[in-house]
PDB file of N, CA and C in Angstrom:
ATOM      1  N   MET A   1     -11.653 -11.404  35.980  1.00  0.00           N
ATOM      2  CA  MET A   1     -10.459 -11.389  35.145  1.00  0.00           C
ATOM      3  C   MET A   1     -10.837 -11.123  33.714  1.00  0.00           C
ATOM      4  N   GLY A   2     -10.333 -10.167  33.079  1.00  0.00           N
ATOM      5  CA  GLY A   2     -10.668  -9.703  31.707  1.00  0.00           C
ATOM      6  C   GLY A   2      -9.601 -10.187  30.639  1.00  0.00           C
ATOM      7  N   TYR A   3      -9.994 -10.131  29.516  1.00  0.00           N
ATOM      8  CA  TYR A   3      -9.137 -10.446  28.387  1.00  0.00           C
ATOM      9  C   TYR A   3      -9.042  -9.370  27.379  1.00  0.00           C
ATOM     10  N   ASN A   4      -7.976  -8.836  27.014  1.00  0.00           N
ATOM     11  CA  ASN A   4      -7.788  -7.791  26.002  1.00  0.00           C
ATOM     12  C   ASN A   4      -7.074  -8.435  24.768  1.00  0.00           C
ATOM     13  N   SER A   5      -7.836  -8.476  23.627  1.00  0.00           N
ATOM     14  CA  SER A   5      -7.279  -8.992  22.334  1.00  0.00           C
ATOM     15  C   SER A   5      -6.554  -7.988  21.659  1.00  0.00           C
ATOM     16  N   LYS A   6      -5.440  -8.304  21.015  1.00  0.00           N
ATOM     17  CA  LYS A   6      -4.795  -7.343  20.155  1.00  0.00           C
ATOM     18  C   LYS A   6      -5.594  -7.028  18.950  1.00  0.00           C
ATOM     19  N   ASN A   7      -6.293  -8.146  18.403  1.00  0.00           N
ATOM     20  CA  ASN A   7      -7.044  -7.966  17.248  1.00  0.00           C
ATOM     21  C   ASN A   7      -8.455  -8.113  17.638  1.00  0.00           C
ATOM     22  N   HIS A   8      -9.363  -7.056  17.347  1.00  0.00           N
ATOM     23  CA  HIS A   8     -10.685  -7.027  17.729  1.00  0.00           C
ATOM     24  C   HIS A   8     -11.554  -6.036  16.844  1.00  0.00           C
ATOM     25  N   MET A   9     -12.869  -6.285  16.925  1.00  0.00           N
ATOM     26  CA  MET A   9     -13.744  -5.389  16.290  1.00  0.00           C
ATOM     27  C   MET A   9     -14.292  -4.354  17.263  1.00  0.00           C
ATOM     28  N   GLU A  10     -14.297  -3.107  16.974  1.00  0.00           N
ATOM     29  CA  GLU A  10     -14.731  -2.138  17.994  1.00  0.00           C
ATOM     30  C   GLU A  10     -16.259  -2.301  17.957  1.00  0.00           C
ATOM     31  N   GLN A  11     -16.782  -1.782  19.111  1.00  0.00           N
ATOM     32  CA  GLN A  11     -18.245  -1.888  19.360  1.00  0.00           C
ATOM     33  C   GLN A  11     -18.910  -1.161  18.229  1.00  0.00           C
ATOM     34  N   GLY A  12     -19.959  -1.856  17.707  1.00  0.00           N
ATOM     35  CA  GLY A  12     -20.726  -1.352  16.553  1.00  0.00           C
ATOM     36  C   GLY A  12     -20.380  -2.066  15.213  1.00  0.00           C
ATOM     37  N   GLY A  13     -19.249  -2.655  15.193  1.00  0.00           N
ATOM     38  CA  GLY A  13     -18.763  -3.389  14.090  1.00  0.00           C
ATOM     39  C   GLY A  13     -18.303  -2.655  12.871  1.00  0.00           C
ATOM     40  N   GLU A  14     -18.015  -1.257  13.004  1.00  0.00           N
ATOM     41  CA  GLU A  14     -17.530  -0.571  11.920  1.00  0.00           C
ATOM     42  C   GLU A  14     -16.025  -0.471  11.720  1.00  0.00           C
ATOM     43  N   LYS A  15     -15.354  -0.994  12.674  1.00  0.00           N
ATOM     44  CA  LYS A  15     -13.853  -0.799  12.645  1.00  0.00           C
ATOM     45  C   LYS A  15     -13.251  -1.978  13.282  1.00  0.00           C
ATOM     46  N   TRP A  16     -12.221  -2.638  12.470  1.00  0.00           N
ATOM     47  CA  TRP A  16     -11.379  -3.734  13.137  1.00  0.00           C
ATOM     48  C   TRP A  16     -10.072  -3.082  13.486  1.00  0.00           C
ATOM     49  N   VAL A  17      -9.529  -3.540  14.609  1.00  0.00           N
ATOM     50  CA  VAL A  17      -8.151  -3.003  15.145  1.00  0.00           C
ATOM     51  C   VAL A  17      -7.272  -4.266  15.090  1.00  0.00           C
ATOM     52  N   ILE A  18      -6.151  -4.151  14.348  1.00  0.00           N
ATOM     53  CA  ILE A  18      -5.222  -5.122  14.254  1.00  0.00           C
ATOM     54  C   ILE A  18      -3.909  -4.668  15.020  1.00  0.00           C
ATOM     55  N   GLY A  19      -3.721  -5.370  16.150  1.00  0.00           N
ATOM     56  CA  GLY A  19      -2.536  -4.948  17.027  1.00  0.00           C
ATOM     57  C   GLY A  19      -1.557  -6.093  16.820  1.00  0.00           C
ATOM     58  N   GLY A  20      -1.952  -7.137  16.288  1.00  0.00           N
ATOM     59  CA  GLY A  20      -1.125  -8.335  16.181  1.00  0.00           C
ATOM     60  C   GLY A  20      -0.681  -8.375  14.706  1.00  0.00           C
ATOM     61  N   THR A  21      -0.580  -9.655  14.222  1.00  0.00           N
ATOM     62  CA  THR A  21      -0.265  -9.864  12.833  1.00  0.00           C
ATOM     63  C   THR A  21      -1.438 -10.277  12.040  1.00  0.00           C
ATOM     64  N   LEU A  22      -1.572  -9.661  10.870  1.00  0.00           N
ATOM     65  CA  LEU A  22      -2.592  -9.965   9.926  1.00  0.00           C
ATOM     66  C   LEU A  22      -1.983 -10.837   8.868  1.00  0.00           C
ATOM     67  N   GLU A  23      -2.503 -12.059   8.726  1.00  0.00           N
ATOM     68  CA  GLU A  23      -1.966 -12.995   7.809  1.00  0.00           C
ATOM     69  C   GLU A  23      -2.891 -13.281   6.622  1.00  0.00           C
ATOM     70  N   ILE A  24      -2.561 -12.920   5.376  1.00  0.00           N
ATOM     71  CA  ILE A  24      -3.355 -13.135   4.219  1.00  0.00           C
ATOM     72  C   ILE A  24      -2.952 -14.494   3.625  1.00  0.00           C
ATOM     73  N   LEU A  25      -3.879 -15.465   3.642  1.00  0.00           N
ATOM     74  CA  LEU A  25      -3.455 -16.785   3.218  1.00  0.00           C
ATOM     75  C   LEU A  25      -3.560 -16.929   1.678  1.00  0.00           C
ATOM     76  N   PRO A  26      -2.925 -17.808   1.022  1.00  0.00           N
ATOM     77  CA  PRO A  26      -3.012 -18.048  -0.372  1.00  0.00           C
ATOM     78  C   PRO A  26      -4.378 -18.203  -0.778  1.00  0.00           C
ATOM     79  N   GLY A  27      -4.900 -17.584  -1.879  1.00  0.00           N
ATOM     80  CA  GLY A  27      -6.238 -17.724  -2.449  1.00  0.00           C
ATOM     81  C   GLY A  27      -7.108 -16.646  -1.771  1.00  0.00           C
ATOM     82  N   ALA A  28      -6.787 -15.896  -0.804  1.00  0.00           N
ATOM     83  CA  ALA A  28      -7.587 -14.884  -0.210  1.00  0.00           C
ATOM     84  C   ALA A  28      -7.434 -13.697  -1.059  1.00  0.00           C
ATOM     85  N   SER A  29      -8.339 -12.677  -0.805  1.00  0.00           N
ATOM     86  CA  SER A  29      -8.293 -11.424  -1.618  1.00  0.00           C
ATOM     87  C   SER A  29      -8.533 -10.313  -0.553  1.00  0.00           C
ATOM     88  N   VAL A  30      -8.015  -9.146  -0.845  1.00  0.00           N
ATOM     89  CA  VAL A  30      -8.223  -7.971  -0.085  1.00  0.00           C
ATOM     90  C   VAL A  30      -8.716  -6.877  -1.074  1.00  0.00           C
ATOM     91  N   THR A  31      -9.815  -6.227  -0.798  1.00  0.00           N
ATOM     92  CA  THR A  31     -10.333  -5.203  -1.704  1.00  0.00           C
ATOM     93  C   THR A  31     -10.302  -3.843  -1.062  1.00  0.00           C
ATOM     94  N   GLY A  32     -10.471  -2.814  -1.817  1.00  0.00           N
ATOM     95  CA  GLY A  32     -10.572  -1.462  -1.365  1.00  0.00           C
ATOM     96  C   GLY A  32      -9.288  -0.761  -1.153  1.00  0.00           C
ATOM     97  N   LEU A  33      -8.125  -1.312  -1.480  1.00  0.00           N
ATOM     98  CA  LEU A  33      -6.856  -0.770  -1.328  1.00  0.00           C
ATOM     99  C   LEU A  33      -6.492   0.125  -2.517  1.00  0.00           C
ATOM    100  N   PRO A  34      -5.720   1.178  -2.321  1.00  0.00           N
ATOM    101  CA  PRO A  34      -5.348   1.962  -3.548  1.00  0.00           C
ATOM    102  C   PRO A  34      -4.424   1.218  -4.508  1.00  0.00           C
ATOM    103  N   ALA A  35      -4.448   1.538  -5.677  1.00  0.00           N
ATOM    104  CA  ALA A  35      -3.477   0.941  -6.647  1.00  0.00           C
ATOM    105  C   ALA A  35      -2.801   2.055  -7.449  1.00  0.00           C
ATOM    106  N   ALA A  36      -1.609   1.947  -7.576  1.00  0.00           N
ATOM    107  CA  ALA A  36      -0.930   2.977  -8.414  1.00  0.00           C
ATOM    108  C   ALA A  36      -1.110   2.657  -9.886  1.00  0.00           C
ATOM    109  N   GLU A  37      -1.025   3.758 -10.673  1.00  0.00           N
ATOM    110  CA  GLU A  37      -1.058   3.568 -12.160  1.00  0.00           C
ATOM    111  C   GLU A  37       0.043   2.759 -12.560  1.00  0.00           C
ATOM    112  N   ASN A  38      -0.150   1.994 -13.644  1.00  0.00           N
ATOM    113  CA  ASN A  38       0.897   1.154 -14.209  1.00  0.00           C
ATOM    114  C   ASN A  38       2.161   2.101 -14.686  1.00  0.00           C
ATOM    115  N   GLN A  39       3.326   1.496 -14.402  1.00  0.00           N
ATOM    116  CA  GLN A  39       4.551   2.085 -14.925  1.00  0.00           C
ATOM    117  C   GLN A  39       5.228   1.182 -15.845  1.00  0.00           C
ATOM    118  N   PRO A  40       5.217   1.461 -17.138  1.00  0.00           N
ATOM    119  CA  PRO A  40       5.755   0.507 -18.050  1.00  0.00           C
ATOM    120  C   PRO A  40       7.215   0.191 -17.779  1.00  0.00           C
ATOM    121  N   ASP A  41       7.629  -0.944 -18.266  1.00  0.00           N
ATOM    122  CA  ASP A  41       9.159  -1.316 -18.138  1.00  0.00           C
ATOM    123  C   ASP A  41       9.942  -0.167 -18.776  1.00  0.00           C
ATOM    124  N   SER A  42      11.148   0.095 -18.117  1.00  0.00           N
ATOM    125  CA  SER A  42      11.912   1.082 -18.658  1.00  0.00           C
ATOM    126  C   SER A  42      12.655   0.599 -19.964  1.00  0.00           C
ATOM    127  N   THR A  43      12.780   1.528 -20.918  1.00  0.00           N
ATOM    128  CA  THR A  43      13.552   1.216 -22.092  1.00  0.00           C
ATOM    129  C   THR A  43      14.693   2.300 -22.155  1.00  0.00           C
ATOM    130  N   ALA A  44      15.083   2.821 -21.074  1.00  0.00           N
ATOM    131  CA  ALA A  44      16.126   3.889 -20.980  1.00  0.00           C
ATOM    132  C   ALA A  44      17.397   3.286 -21.354  1.00  0.00           C
ATOM    133  N   THR A  45      18.264   4.103 -22.078  1.00  0.00           N
ATOM    134  CA  THR A  45      19.573   3.684 -22.508  1.00  0.00           C
ATOM    135  C   THR A  45      20.658   4.424 -21.862  1.00  0.00           C
ATOM    136  N   ASP A  46      20.303   5.395 -20.937  1.00  0.00           N
ATOM    137  CA  ASP A  46      21.260   6.143 -20.167  1.00  0.00           C
ATOM    138  C   ASP A  46      20.706   6.525 -18.878  1.00  0.00           C
ATOM    139  N   ALA A  47      21.570   7.162 -18.157  1.00  0.00           N
ATOM    140  CA  ALA A  47      21.251   7.460 -16.653  1.00  0.00           C
ATOM    141  C   ALA A  47      20.075   8.449 -16.726  1.00  0.00           C
ATOM    142  N   ALA A  48      20.047   9.405 -17.569  1.00  0.00           N
ATOM    143  CA  ALA A  48      19.056  10.439 -17.554  1.00  0.00           C
ATOM    144  C   ALA A  48      17.728   9.789 -17.961  1.00  0.00           C
ATOM    145  N   GLY A  49      17.630   8.833 -18.690  1.00  0.00           N
ATOM    146  CA  GLY A  49      16.419   8.129 -18.924  1.00  0.00           C
ATOM    147  C   GLY A  49      15.939   7.372 -17.866  1.00  0.00           C
ATOM    148  N   LEU A  50      16.802   6.729 -17.151  1.00  0.00           N
ATOM    149  CA  LEU A  50      16.486   6.037 -15.913  1.00  0.00           C
ATOM    150  C   LEU A  50      15.938   6.956 -14.885  1.00  0.00           C
ATOM    151  N   ILE A  51      16.500   8.104 -14.652  1.00  0.00           N
ATOM    152  CA  ILE A  51      16.042   9.096 -13.709  1.00  0.00           C
ATOM    153  C   ILE A  51      14.561   9.484 -14.097  1.00  0.00           C
ATOM    154  N   THR A  52      14.357   9.723 -15.388  1.00  0.00           N
ATOM    155  CA  THR A  52      13.033  10.124 -15.774  1.00  0.00           C
ATOM    156  C   THR A  52      12.011   8.993 -15.438  1.00  0.00           C
ATOM    157  N   ASP A  53      12.392   7.760 -15.734  1.00  0.00           N
ATOM    158  CA  ASP A  53      11.415   6.674 -15.555  1.00  0.00           C
ATOM    159  C   ASP A  53      11.210   6.457 -13.998  1.00  0.00           C
ATOM    160  N   PHE A  54      12.276   6.641 -13.245  1.00  0.00           N
ATOM    161  CA  PHE A  54      12.131   6.362 -11.808  1.00  0.00           C
ATOM    162  C   PHE A  54      11.277   7.515 -11.157  1.00  0.00           C
ATOM    163  N   ASN A  55      11.368   8.836 -11.629  1.00  0.00           N
ATOM    164  CA  ASN A  55      10.689   9.762 -11.012  1.00  0.00           C
ATOM    165  C   ASN A  55       9.256   9.713 -11.413  1.00  0.00           C
ATOM    166  N   ALA A  56       8.879   9.059 -12.598  1.00  0.00           N
ATOM    167  CA  ALA A  56       7.577   8.829 -12.927  1.00  0.00           C
ATOM    168  C   ALA A  56       6.900   7.787 -12.104  1.00  0.00           C
ATOM    169  N   LEU A  57       7.684   6.766 -11.707  1.00  0.00           N
ATOM    170  CA  LEU A  57       7.170   5.765 -10.802  1.00  0.00           C
ATOM    171  C   LEU A  57       6.882   6.354  -9.455  1.00  0.00           C
ATOM    172  N   LEU A  58       7.848   7.228  -8.887  1.00  0.00           N
ATOM    173  CA  LEU A  58       7.595   7.851  -7.680  1.00  0.00           C
ATOM    174  C   LEU A  58       6.232   8.759  -7.660  1.00  0.00           C
ATOM    175  N   ALA A  59       6.146   9.487  -8.834  1.00  0.00           N
ATOM    176  CA  ALA A  59       4.981  10.309  -8.912  1.00  0.00           C
ATOM    177  C   ALA A  59       3.730   9.515  -8.861  1.00  0.00           C
ATOM    178  N   LYS A  60       3.642   8.305  -9.563  1.00  0.00           N
ATOM    179  CA  LYS A  60       2.444   7.505  -9.527  1.00  0.00           C
ATOM    180  C   LYS A  60       2.219   6.883  -8.170  1.00  0.00           C
ATOM    181  N   LEU A  61       3.237   6.498  -7.400  1.00  0.00           N
ATOM    182  CA  LEU A  61       3.110   6.037  -6.073  1.00  0.00           C
ATOM    183  C   LEU A  61       2.513   7.155  -5.100  1.00  0.00           C
ATOM    184  N   LYS A  62       2.987   8.344  -5.290  1.00  0.00           N
ATOM    185  CA  LYS A  62       2.481   9.369  -4.471  1.00  0.00           C
ATOM    186  C   LYS A  62       1.067   9.733  -4.723  1.00  0.00           C
ATOM    187  N   ALA A  63       0.761   9.760  -6.139  1.00  0.00           N
ATOM    188  CA  ALA A  63      -0.632  10.083  -6.432  1.00  0.00           C
ATOM    189  C   ALA A  63      -1.679   9.102  -6.048  1.00  0.00           C
ATOM    190  N   ALA A  64      -1.262   7.806  -5.860  1.00  0.00           N
ATOM    191  CA  ALA A  64      -2.167   6.757  -5.456  1.00  0.00           C
ATOM    192  C   ALA A  64      -2.295   6.738  -3.857  1.00  0.00           C
ATOM    193  N   GLY A  65      -1.443   7.546  -3.279  1.00  0.00           N
ATOM    194  CA  GLY A  65      -1.400   7.500  -1.826  1.00  0.00           C
ATOM    195  C   GLY A  65      -0.669   6.396  -1.152  1.00  0.00           C
ATOM    196  N   LEU A  66       0.219   5.667  -1.985  1.00  0.00           N
ATOM    197  CA  LEU A  66       1.023   4.730  -1.436  1.00  0.00           C
ATOM    198  C   LEU A  66       2.430   5.147  -0.925  1.00  0.00           C
ATOM    199  N   MET A  67       2.665   6.455  -1.132  1.00  0.00           N
ATOM    200  CA  MET A  67       3.908   7.061  -0.564  1.00  0.00           C
ATOM    201  C   MET A  67       3.620   8.394  -0.221  1.00  0.00           C
ATOM    202  N   ALA A  68       4.230   8.963   0.815  1.00  0.00           N
ATOM    203  CA  ALA A  68       3.921  10.253   1.315  1.00  0.00           C
ATOM    204  C   ALA A  68       4.459  11.296   0.258  1.00  0.00           C
ATOM    205  N   ALA A  69       3.730  12.330   0.159  1.00  0.00           N
ATOM    206  CA  ALA A  69       4.003  13.414  -0.870  1.00  0.00           C
ATOM    207  C   ALA A  69       5.309  14.120  -0.337  1.00  0.00           C
ATOM    208  N   ASP A  70       5.919  14.846  -1.166  1.00  0.00           N
ATOM    209  CA  ASP A  70       7.047  15.752  -0.836  1.00  0.00           C
ATOM    210  C   ASP A  70       6.523  16.821   0.079  1.00  0.00           C
ATOM    211  N   GLU A  71       7.370  17.279   0.925  1.00  0.00           N
ATOM    212  CA  GLU A  71       7.049  18.368   1.715  1.00  0.00           C
ATOM    213  C   GLU A  71       7.365  19.650   1.131  1.00  0.00           C
TER     214      GLU A  71
END
């Protein structure tokens, strides 16, 4: 009888496979993930300004690899 784990380290130890749930507990840290450039709080006073600020946020998320780029 064998056992197949949803979460396991591949042979050689270079890759972890998470097929179940990964729970990050309080106080833990994760390193090596991309981070988007800071987007300052909006000071827009009209819809056009909000659109500009929102589009700047989208561009930063895409540049950091946190959102798929436009096709």
